N, C-alpha and C. Protein backbone atom coordinates (compact mmCIF):
# COMPACT_ATOMS: atom_id res chain seq x y z
N MET A 1 0.84 -1.18 0.00
CA MET A 1 0.00 0.00 0.00
C MET A 1 0.88 1.24 0.00
N LEU A 2 0.47 2.23 -0.72
CA LEU A 2 1.18 3.50 -0.74
C LEU A 2 0.45 4.46 0.19
N TRP A 3 1.22 5.10 1.06
CA TRP A 3 0.65 6.07 1.98
C TRP A 3 1.44 7.35 1.87
N ASN A 4 0.76 8.45 1.96
CA ASN A 4 1.36 9.77 1.90
C ASN A 4 1.98 10.07 3.26
N CYS A 5 3.28 9.92 3.39
CA CYS A 5 3.94 10.03 4.69
C CYS A 5 4.47 11.45 4.92
N THR A 6 4.61 11.78 6.17
CA THR A 6 5.22 13.05 6.55
C THR A 6 6.23 12.79 7.66
N GLY A 7 7.36 13.47 7.60
CA GLY A 7 8.41 13.28 8.59
C GLY A 7 8.06 13.86 9.95
N ARG A 8 7.04 14.69 10.03
CA ARG A 8 6.66 15.31 11.30
C ARG A 8 5.78 14.41 12.16
N ALA A 9 5.29 13.34 11.63
CA ALA A 9 4.32 12.50 12.34
C ALA A 9 4.97 11.81 13.54
N ILE A 10 4.23 11.80 14.66
CA ILE A 10 4.67 10.99 15.80
C ILE A 10 4.08 9.59 15.69
N TYR A 11 3.07 9.44 14.82
CA TYR A 11 2.45 8.14 14.58
C TYR A 11 1.90 8.14 13.16
N ASP A 12 2.17 7.05 12.43
CA ASP A 12 1.68 6.91 11.06
C ASP A 12 1.62 5.42 10.76
N ASN A 13 0.41 4.86 10.75
CA ASN A 13 0.27 3.42 10.57
C ASN A 13 -1.07 3.12 9.91
N HIS A 14 -1.16 1.94 9.32
CA HIS A 14 -2.42 1.53 8.71
C HIS A 14 -2.66 0.04 8.96
N CYS A 15 -3.91 -0.36 8.85
CA CYS A 15 -4.32 -1.76 8.95
C CYS A 15 -4.93 -2.17 7.62
N GLU A 16 -4.43 -3.24 7.05
CA GLU A 16 -5.00 -3.74 5.80
C GLU A 16 -6.25 -4.56 6.13
N ILE A 17 -7.30 -4.34 5.34
CA ILE A 17 -8.57 -5.03 5.57
C ILE A 17 -8.58 -6.39 4.89
N GLY A 18 -8.09 -6.46 3.68
CA GLY A 18 -8.06 -7.73 2.96
C GLY A 18 -9.27 -7.90 2.05
N SER A 19 -9.14 -8.80 1.11
CA SER A 19 -10.18 -9.00 0.10
C SER A 19 -11.43 -9.69 0.65
N HIS A 20 -11.33 -10.29 1.84
CA HIS A 20 -12.49 -10.96 2.43
C HIS A 20 -13.57 -9.98 2.89
N GLY A 21 -13.22 -8.70 3.01
CA GLY A 21 -14.19 -7.69 3.45
C GLY A 21 -13.96 -7.27 4.89
N TRP A 22 -14.67 -6.23 5.30
CA TRP A 22 -14.55 -5.66 6.64
C TRP A 22 -15.82 -5.98 7.40
N GLU A 23 -15.72 -6.93 8.32
CA GLU A 23 -16.86 -7.33 9.15
C GLU A 23 -17.22 -6.20 10.11
N SER A 24 -18.49 -6.04 10.39
CA SER A 24 -18.96 -4.94 11.25
C SER A 24 -18.42 -5.05 12.68
N TYR A 25 -18.09 -6.25 13.13
CA TYR A 25 -17.56 -6.44 14.49
C TYR A 25 -16.04 -6.32 14.54
N ASP A 26 -15.38 -6.18 13.40
CA ASP A 26 -13.92 -6.19 13.32
C ASP A 26 -13.37 -4.77 13.48
N LYS A 27 -12.89 -4.46 14.69
CA LYS A 27 -12.33 -3.14 14.96
C LYS A 27 -10.84 -3.14 14.59
N GLN A 28 -10.43 -2.13 13.86
CA GLN A 28 -9.02 -1.95 13.53
C GLN A 28 -8.38 -1.18 14.68
N ALA A 29 -7.28 -1.70 15.22
CA ALA A 29 -6.67 -1.14 16.42
C ALA A 29 -5.40 -0.36 16.10
N PHE A 30 -5.27 0.80 16.73
CA PHE A 30 -4.08 1.65 16.59
C PHE A 30 -3.61 2.01 18.00
N LEU A 31 -2.37 1.66 18.33
CA LEU A 31 -1.79 1.97 19.64
C LEU A 31 -0.77 3.09 19.44
N ILE A 32 -1.04 4.22 20.04
CA ILE A 32 -0.27 5.43 19.79
C ILE A 32 0.44 5.85 21.07
N ASP A 33 1.77 5.96 21.00
CA ASP A 33 2.55 6.48 22.11
C ASP A 33 2.86 7.95 21.85
N VAL A 34 2.31 8.82 22.67
CA VAL A 34 2.55 10.25 22.55
C VAL A 34 3.76 10.57 23.43
N PRO A 35 4.88 11.02 22.83
CA PRO A 35 6.11 11.20 23.58
C PRO A 35 6.09 12.36 24.56
N ARG A 36 5.35 13.42 24.22
CA ARG A 36 5.30 14.57 25.13
C ARG A 36 3.95 15.28 25.00
N THR A 37 3.53 15.86 26.09
CA THR A 37 2.28 16.60 26.10
C THR A 37 2.36 17.73 25.08
N GLY A 38 1.29 17.88 24.31
CA GLY A 38 1.28 18.93 23.30
C GLY A 38 -0.05 18.99 22.57
N VAL A 39 -0.07 19.79 21.52
CA VAL A 39 -1.27 19.97 20.70
C VAL A 39 -1.02 19.26 19.37
N TYR A 40 -1.96 18.39 18.99
CA TYR A 40 -1.77 17.52 17.84
C TYR A 40 -2.98 17.54 16.92
N ASP A 41 -2.74 17.10 15.67
CA ASP A 41 -3.80 16.85 14.70
C ASP A 41 -3.86 15.35 14.45
N VAL A 42 -5.07 14.81 14.30
CA VAL A 42 -5.26 13.38 14.03
C VAL A 42 -5.98 13.25 12.69
N ASP A 43 -5.33 12.56 11.74
CA ASP A 43 -5.89 12.36 10.41
C ASP A 43 -6.14 10.88 10.18
N MET A 44 -7.21 10.58 9.44
CA MET A 44 -7.57 9.21 9.09
C MET A 44 -7.43 9.06 7.58
N PHE A 45 -6.94 7.90 7.16
CA PHE A 45 -6.80 7.59 5.75
C PHE A 45 -7.56 6.31 5.46
N LEU A 46 -8.20 6.30 4.32
CA LEU A 46 -8.99 5.14 3.91
C LEU A 46 -8.62 4.82 2.47
N MET A 47 -8.30 3.58 2.20
CA MET A 47 -8.04 3.16 0.83
C MET A 47 -9.17 2.23 0.40
N HIS A 48 -9.76 2.52 -0.76
CA HIS A 48 -10.84 1.69 -1.28
C HIS A 48 -10.59 1.43 -2.75
N ASP A 49 -11.24 0.40 -3.26
CA ASP A 49 -11.06 0.09 -4.68
C ASP A 49 -12.16 0.74 -5.52
N ASN A 50 -11.99 0.68 -6.81
CA ASN A 50 -12.91 1.32 -7.75
C ASN A 50 -14.29 0.65 -7.75
N ASP A 51 -14.38 -0.56 -7.22
CA ASP A 51 -15.65 -1.29 -7.19
C ASP A 51 -16.45 -1.07 -5.91
N TYR A 52 -15.94 -0.23 -4.99
CA TYR A 52 -16.69 0.06 -3.76
C TYR A 52 -18.07 0.58 -4.15
N ARG A 53 -19.13 0.06 -3.53
CA ARG A 53 -20.51 0.28 -3.98
C ARG A 53 -21.17 1.57 -3.51
N TYR A 54 -20.54 2.30 -2.61
CA TYR A 54 -21.22 3.45 -2.00
C TYR A 54 -20.43 4.74 -2.23
N ARG A 55 -21.12 5.87 -2.02
CA ARG A 55 -20.46 7.19 -2.08
C ARG A 55 -19.80 7.54 -0.76
N ASN A 56 -20.14 6.83 0.29
CA ASN A 56 -19.63 7.18 1.61
C ASN A 56 -19.36 5.91 2.41
N VAL A 57 -18.78 6.12 3.58
CA VAL A 57 -18.64 5.03 4.55
C VAL A 57 -18.79 5.67 5.94
N TRP A 58 -19.59 5.02 6.78
CA TRP A 58 -19.74 5.45 8.17
C TRP A 58 -18.74 4.68 9.01
N LEU A 59 -18.07 5.39 9.92
CA LEU A 59 -17.09 4.77 10.80
C LEU A 59 -17.43 5.08 12.25
N PHE A 60 -17.24 4.09 13.12
CA PHE A 60 -17.34 4.28 14.57
C PHE A 60 -15.91 4.31 15.09
N ILE A 61 -15.54 5.40 15.77
CA ILE A 61 -14.17 5.58 16.23
C ILE A 61 -14.17 5.78 17.73
N GLU A 62 -13.42 4.94 18.43
CA GLU A 62 -13.28 5.03 19.89
C GLU A 62 -11.87 5.49 20.22
N TYR A 63 -11.78 6.47 21.11
CA TYR A 63 -10.49 6.96 21.60
C TYR A 63 -10.39 6.58 23.07
N LEU A 64 -9.30 5.91 23.44
CA LEU A 64 -9.09 5.50 24.83
C LEU A 64 -7.73 5.95 25.32
N SER A 65 -7.64 6.27 26.60
CA SER A 65 -6.39 6.60 27.25
C SER A 65 -6.33 5.84 28.55
N SER A 66 -5.28 5.07 28.75
CA SER A 66 -5.12 4.24 29.95
C SER A 66 -6.34 3.35 30.17
N GLY A 67 -6.93 2.86 29.09
CA GLY A 67 -8.07 1.95 29.19
C GLY A 67 -9.41 2.62 29.39
N ASP A 68 -9.42 3.94 29.61
CA ASP A 68 -10.67 4.67 29.82
C ASP A 68 -11.11 5.32 28.51
N THR A 69 -12.38 5.16 28.16
CA THR A 69 -12.89 5.76 26.94
C THR A 69 -12.94 7.27 27.10
N LEU A 70 -12.26 7.97 26.21
CA LEU A 70 -12.29 9.42 26.21
C LEU A 70 -13.50 9.92 25.44
N VAL A 71 -13.70 9.35 24.25
CA VAL A 71 -14.81 9.78 23.40
C VAL A 71 -15.05 8.72 22.34
N THR A 72 -16.29 8.63 21.89
CA THR A 72 -16.65 7.78 20.76
C THR A 72 -17.30 8.67 19.72
N ASP A 73 -16.79 8.61 18.49
CA ASP A 73 -17.32 9.42 17.40
C ASP A 73 -17.93 8.54 16.32
N THR A 74 -18.93 9.07 15.66
CA THR A 74 -19.47 8.48 14.43
C THR A 74 -19.11 9.45 13.32
N VAL A 75 -18.37 8.96 12.32
CA VAL A 75 -17.84 9.81 11.26
C VAL A 75 -18.37 9.34 9.92
N ASN A 76 -18.90 10.27 9.14
CA ASN A 76 -19.35 9.98 7.78
C ASN A 76 -18.28 10.47 6.81
N CYS A 77 -17.67 9.57 6.07
CA CYS A 77 -16.64 9.92 5.09
C CYS A 77 -17.25 9.91 3.70
N LEU A 78 -17.32 11.06 3.07
CA LEU A 78 -17.84 11.15 1.70
C LEU A 78 -16.70 10.83 0.74
N LEU A 79 -16.82 9.71 0.05
CA LEU A 79 -15.75 9.21 -0.82
C LEU A 79 -15.91 9.64 -2.27
N ALA A 80 -17.13 10.01 -2.68
CA ALA A 80 -17.38 10.37 -4.08
C ALA A 80 -18.42 11.48 -4.15
N ASP A 81 -18.40 12.20 -5.28
CA ASP A 81 -19.41 13.23 -5.49
C ASP A 81 -20.71 12.59 -5.99
N THR A 82 -21.72 13.40 -6.27
CA THR A 82 -23.02 12.86 -6.68
C THR A 82 -22.98 12.17 -8.04
N TYR A 83 -21.92 12.38 -8.81
CA TYR A 83 -21.77 11.72 -10.11
C TYR A 83 -20.91 10.46 -10.02
N GLY A 84 -20.48 10.12 -8.82
CA GLY A 84 -19.68 8.91 -8.64
C GLY A 84 -18.19 9.09 -8.85
N ARG A 85 -17.73 10.34 -8.96
CA ARG A 85 -16.29 10.59 -9.11
C ARG A 85 -15.65 10.56 -7.73
N TRP A 86 -14.63 9.72 -7.60
CA TRP A 86 -13.98 9.53 -6.31
C TRP A 86 -13.18 10.76 -5.90
N TYR A 87 -13.25 11.09 -4.61
CA TYR A 87 -12.39 12.11 -4.04
C TYR A 87 -11.05 11.47 -3.69
N GLY A 88 -10.05 12.29 -3.51
CA GLY A 88 -8.74 11.79 -3.12
C GLY A 88 -7.93 11.33 -4.32
N GLY A 89 -6.71 10.91 -4.03
CA GLY A 89 -5.81 10.45 -5.08
C GLY A 89 -6.05 9.00 -5.41
N GLY A 90 -5.70 8.64 -6.63
CA GLY A 90 -5.88 7.26 -7.04
C GLY A 90 -4.75 6.78 -7.91
N TRP A 91 -4.53 5.48 -7.89
CA TRP A 91 -3.59 4.83 -8.78
C TRP A 91 -4.11 3.43 -9.01
N GLY A 92 -4.04 3.01 -10.26
CA GLY A 92 -4.62 1.72 -10.59
C GLY A 92 -6.11 1.75 -10.28
N SER A 93 -6.58 0.74 -9.59
CA SER A 93 -8.01 0.69 -9.24
C SER A 93 -8.25 1.10 -7.78
N TYR A 94 -7.26 1.73 -7.13
CA TYR A 94 -7.39 2.12 -5.73
C TYR A 94 -7.38 3.64 -5.57
N TYR A 95 -8.12 4.09 -4.54
CA TYR A 95 -8.20 5.50 -4.22
C TYR A 95 -7.93 5.68 -2.73
N GLN A 96 -7.20 6.75 -2.40
CA GLN A 96 -6.93 7.06 -1.00
C GLN A 96 -7.67 8.33 -0.62
N TYR A 97 -8.44 8.22 0.45
CA TYR A 97 -9.24 9.33 0.97
C TYR A 97 -8.66 9.73 2.32
N GLU A 98 -8.62 11.02 2.59
CA GLU A 98 -8.05 11.54 3.83
C GLU A 98 -9.06 12.46 4.51
N GLN A 99 -9.16 12.34 5.83
CA GLN A 99 -10.07 13.22 6.58
C GLN A 99 -9.46 13.54 7.93
N ARG A 100 -9.52 14.80 8.30
CA ARG A 100 -9.06 15.23 9.62
C ARG A 100 -10.11 14.83 10.64
N LEU A 101 -9.69 14.09 11.67
CA LEU A 101 -10.60 13.67 12.73
C LEU A 101 -10.58 14.63 13.90
N LYS A 102 -9.39 15.07 14.29
CA LYS A 102 -9.23 15.99 15.42
C LYS A 102 -8.19 17.04 15.03
N GLU A 103 -8.52 18.30 15.26
CA GLU A 103 -7.57 19.37 14.97
C GLU A 103 -7.25 20.12 16.25
N ALA A 104 -5.96 20.34 16.46
CA ALA A 104 -5.48 21.10 17.61
C ALA A 104 -6.03 20.54 18.92
N VAL A 105 -5.92 19.22 19.07
CA VAL A 105 -6.38 18.57 20.29
C VAL A 105 -5.19 18.40 21.23
N ARG A 106 -5.39 18.69 22.51
CA ARG A 106 -4.32 18.54 23.49
C ARG A 106 -4.25 17.09 23.94
N LEU A 107 -3.07 16.51 23.82
CA LEU A 107 -2.84 15.14 24.28
C LEU A 107 -1.71 15.15 25.30
N ASP A 108 -1.96 14.51 26.44
CA ASP A 108 -0.90 14.32 27.42
C ASP A 108 0.01 13.20 26.95
N SER A 109 1.24 13.20 27.41
CA SER A 109 2.14 12.11 27.05
C SER A 109 1.58 10.80 27.59
N GLY A 110 1.82 9.72 26.88
CA GLY A 110 1.32 8.41 27.30
C GLY A 110 0.79 7.62 26.13
N ARG A 111 0.17 6.50 26.43
CA ARG A 111 -0.35 5.60 25.41
C ARG A 111 -1.84 5.84 25.20
N TYR A 112 -2.21 5.91 23.93
CA TYR A 112 -3.61 6.05 23.52
C TYR A 112 -3.96 4.88 22.62
N GLU A 113 -5.20 4.48 22.67
CA GLU A 113 -5.71 3.44 21.79
C GLU A 113 -6.84 4.04 20.97
N VAL A 114 -6.83 3.75 19.68
CA VAL A 114 -7.90 4.19 18.80
C VAL A 114 -8.41 2.96 18.07
N TYR A 115 -9.72 2.77 18.09
CA TYR A 115 -10.34 1.63 17.41
C TYR A 115 -11.31 2.16 16.37
N ILE A 116 -11.21 1.63 15.15
CA ILE A 116 -12.08 2.05 14.06
C ILE A 116 -12.84 0.85 13.54
N ALA A 117 -14.17 0.96 13.50
CA ALA A 117 -15.04 -0.09 12.96
C ALA A 117 -15.91 0.53 11.87
N GLN A 118 -16.25 -0.27 10.88
CA GLN A 118 -17.16 0.23 9.84
C GLN A 118 -18.58 0.21 10.41
N GLY A 119 -19.34 1.24 10.06
CA GLY A 119 -20.70 1.38 10.58
C GLY A 119 -21.76 1.35 9.50
N MET A 120 -21.48 0.66 8.41
CA MET A 120 -22.45 0.57 7.32
C MET A 120 -23.50 -0.49 7.66
N ARG A 121 -24.55 -0.55 6.88
CA ARG A 121 -25.62 -1.52 7.14
C ARG A 121 -25.24 -2.92 6.69
N GLU A 122 -24.18 -3.04 5.93
CA GLU A 122 -23.71 -4.36 5.50
C GLU A 122 -22.85 -4.97 6.60
N ARG A 123 -23.12 -6.21 6.90
CA ARG A 123 -22.32 -6.89 7.92
C ARG A 123 -20.88 -7.08 7.45
N ASN A 124 -20.70 -7.42 6.17
CA ASN A 124 -19.38 -7.59 5.60
C ASN A 124 -19.24 -6.61 4.44
N LEU A 125 -18.46 -5.57 4.67
CA LEU A 125 -18.30 -4.48 3.71
C LEU A 125 -17.13 -4.78 2.78
N LYS A 126 -17.41 -4.88 1.50
CA LYS A 126 -16.38 -5.16 0.49
C LYS A 126 -15.90 -3.85 -0.13
N GLY A 127 -14.65 -3.85 -0.57
CA GLY A 127 -14.11 -2.73 -1.32
C GLY A 127 -13.21 -1.79 -0.53
N ILE A 128 -13.16 -1.93 0.79
CA ILE A 128 -12.24 -1.13 1.60
C ILE A 128 -10.97 -1.96 1.76
N ALA A 129 -9.84 -1.40 1.34
CA ALA A 129 -8.58 -2.14 1.36
C ALA A 129 -7.78 -1.90 2.63
N ALA A 130 -7.85 -0.68 3.19
CA ALA A 130 -7.06 -0.36 4.37
C ALA A 130 -7.60 0.91 5.02
N VAL A 131 -7.28 1.04 6.30
CA VAL A 131 -7.60 2.26 7.05
C VAL A 131 -6.35 2.60 7.86
N GLY A 132 -6.06 3.90 7.97
CA GLY A 132 -4.85 4.30 8.67
C GLY A 132 -5.06 5.56 9.48
N LEU A 133 -4.12 5.79 10.40
CA LEU A 133 -4.14 6.99 11.25
C LEU A 133 -2.77 7.65 11.23
N ARG A 134 -2.79 8.97 11.30
CA ARG A 134 -1.56 9.74 11.44
C ARG A 134 -1.78 10.79 12.51
N VAL A 135 -0.80 10.96 13.39
CA VAL A 135 -0.84 12.00 14.42
C VAL A 135 0.38 12.89 14.20
N THR A 136 0.15 14.19 14.06
CA THR A 136 1.24 15.14 13.84
C THR A 136 1.09 16.31 14.81
N PRO A 137 2.22 16.91 15.20
CA PRO A 137 2.12 18.13 16.00
C PRO A 137 1.36 19.20 15.22
N HIS A 138 0.46 19.89 15.89
CA HIS A 138 -0.33 20.94 15.24
C HIS A 138 0.56 22.12 14.92
N GLN A 139 0.38 22.67 13.72
CA GLN A 139 1.11 23.86 13.30
C GLN A 139 0.14 25.01 13.11
N THR A 140 0.50 26.17 13.62
CA THR A 140 -0.29 27.36 13.32
C THR A 140 0.05 27.80 11.89
N GLN A 141 -0.73 28.69 11.32
CA GLN A 141 -0.45 29.17 9.96
C GLN A 141 0.91 29.85 9.89
N GLU A 142 1.29 30.55 10.94
CA GLU A 142 2.59 31.22 10.96
C GLU A 142 3.72 30.20 10.91
N GLU A 143 3.57 29.10 11.65
CA GLU A 143 4.60 28.06 11.66
C GLU A 143 4.68 27.34 10.32
N ALA A 144 3.54 27.19 9.65
CA ALA A 144 3.50 26.46 8.39
C ALA A 144 3.96 27.30 7.20
N ALA A 145 3.98 28.63 7.35
CA ALA A 145 4.38 29.50 6.24
C ALA A 145 5.87 29.34 5.95
N PRO A 146 6.25 29.35 4.66
CA PRO A 146 7.67 29.24 4.32
C PRO A 146 8.44 30.48 4.77
N ALA A 147 9.69 30.27 5.12
CA ALA A 147 10.54 31.38 5.56
C ALA A 147 10.92 32.25 4.36
N ASP A 148 11.09 33.54 4.61
CA ASP A 148 11.49 34.47 3.53
C ASP A 148 12.96 34.36 3.23
């Protein structure tokens, strides 16, 4: 799988779903070690094939710290426009979609667990190849601007 990597990430990983499909009970697990307390952005990546049957995918996302649930989100990812044109980059028969889940969120140092499950009405969802997470230190616009 090709993933758009960045050197600033403190965490960048993905879970491959496989051709058998994504069962509704199958949570993809991400274990994130935050090295120091700070403000971070959390991005989700989804890879799907050209035969995926829907314009969107619903995801259930659980965030845990030290085993305690911090928050559970339901996220609707729009993968295509009303004409069926896929958003995101593509190569071959695969497309990668990216969505910001949390922006400028304060995280204390320590271990976090994130679990992602598909929330579609199909018990076994075909066409999703992988799901990934990236955590990067948050940058203000001033920090992100190129130096003169």
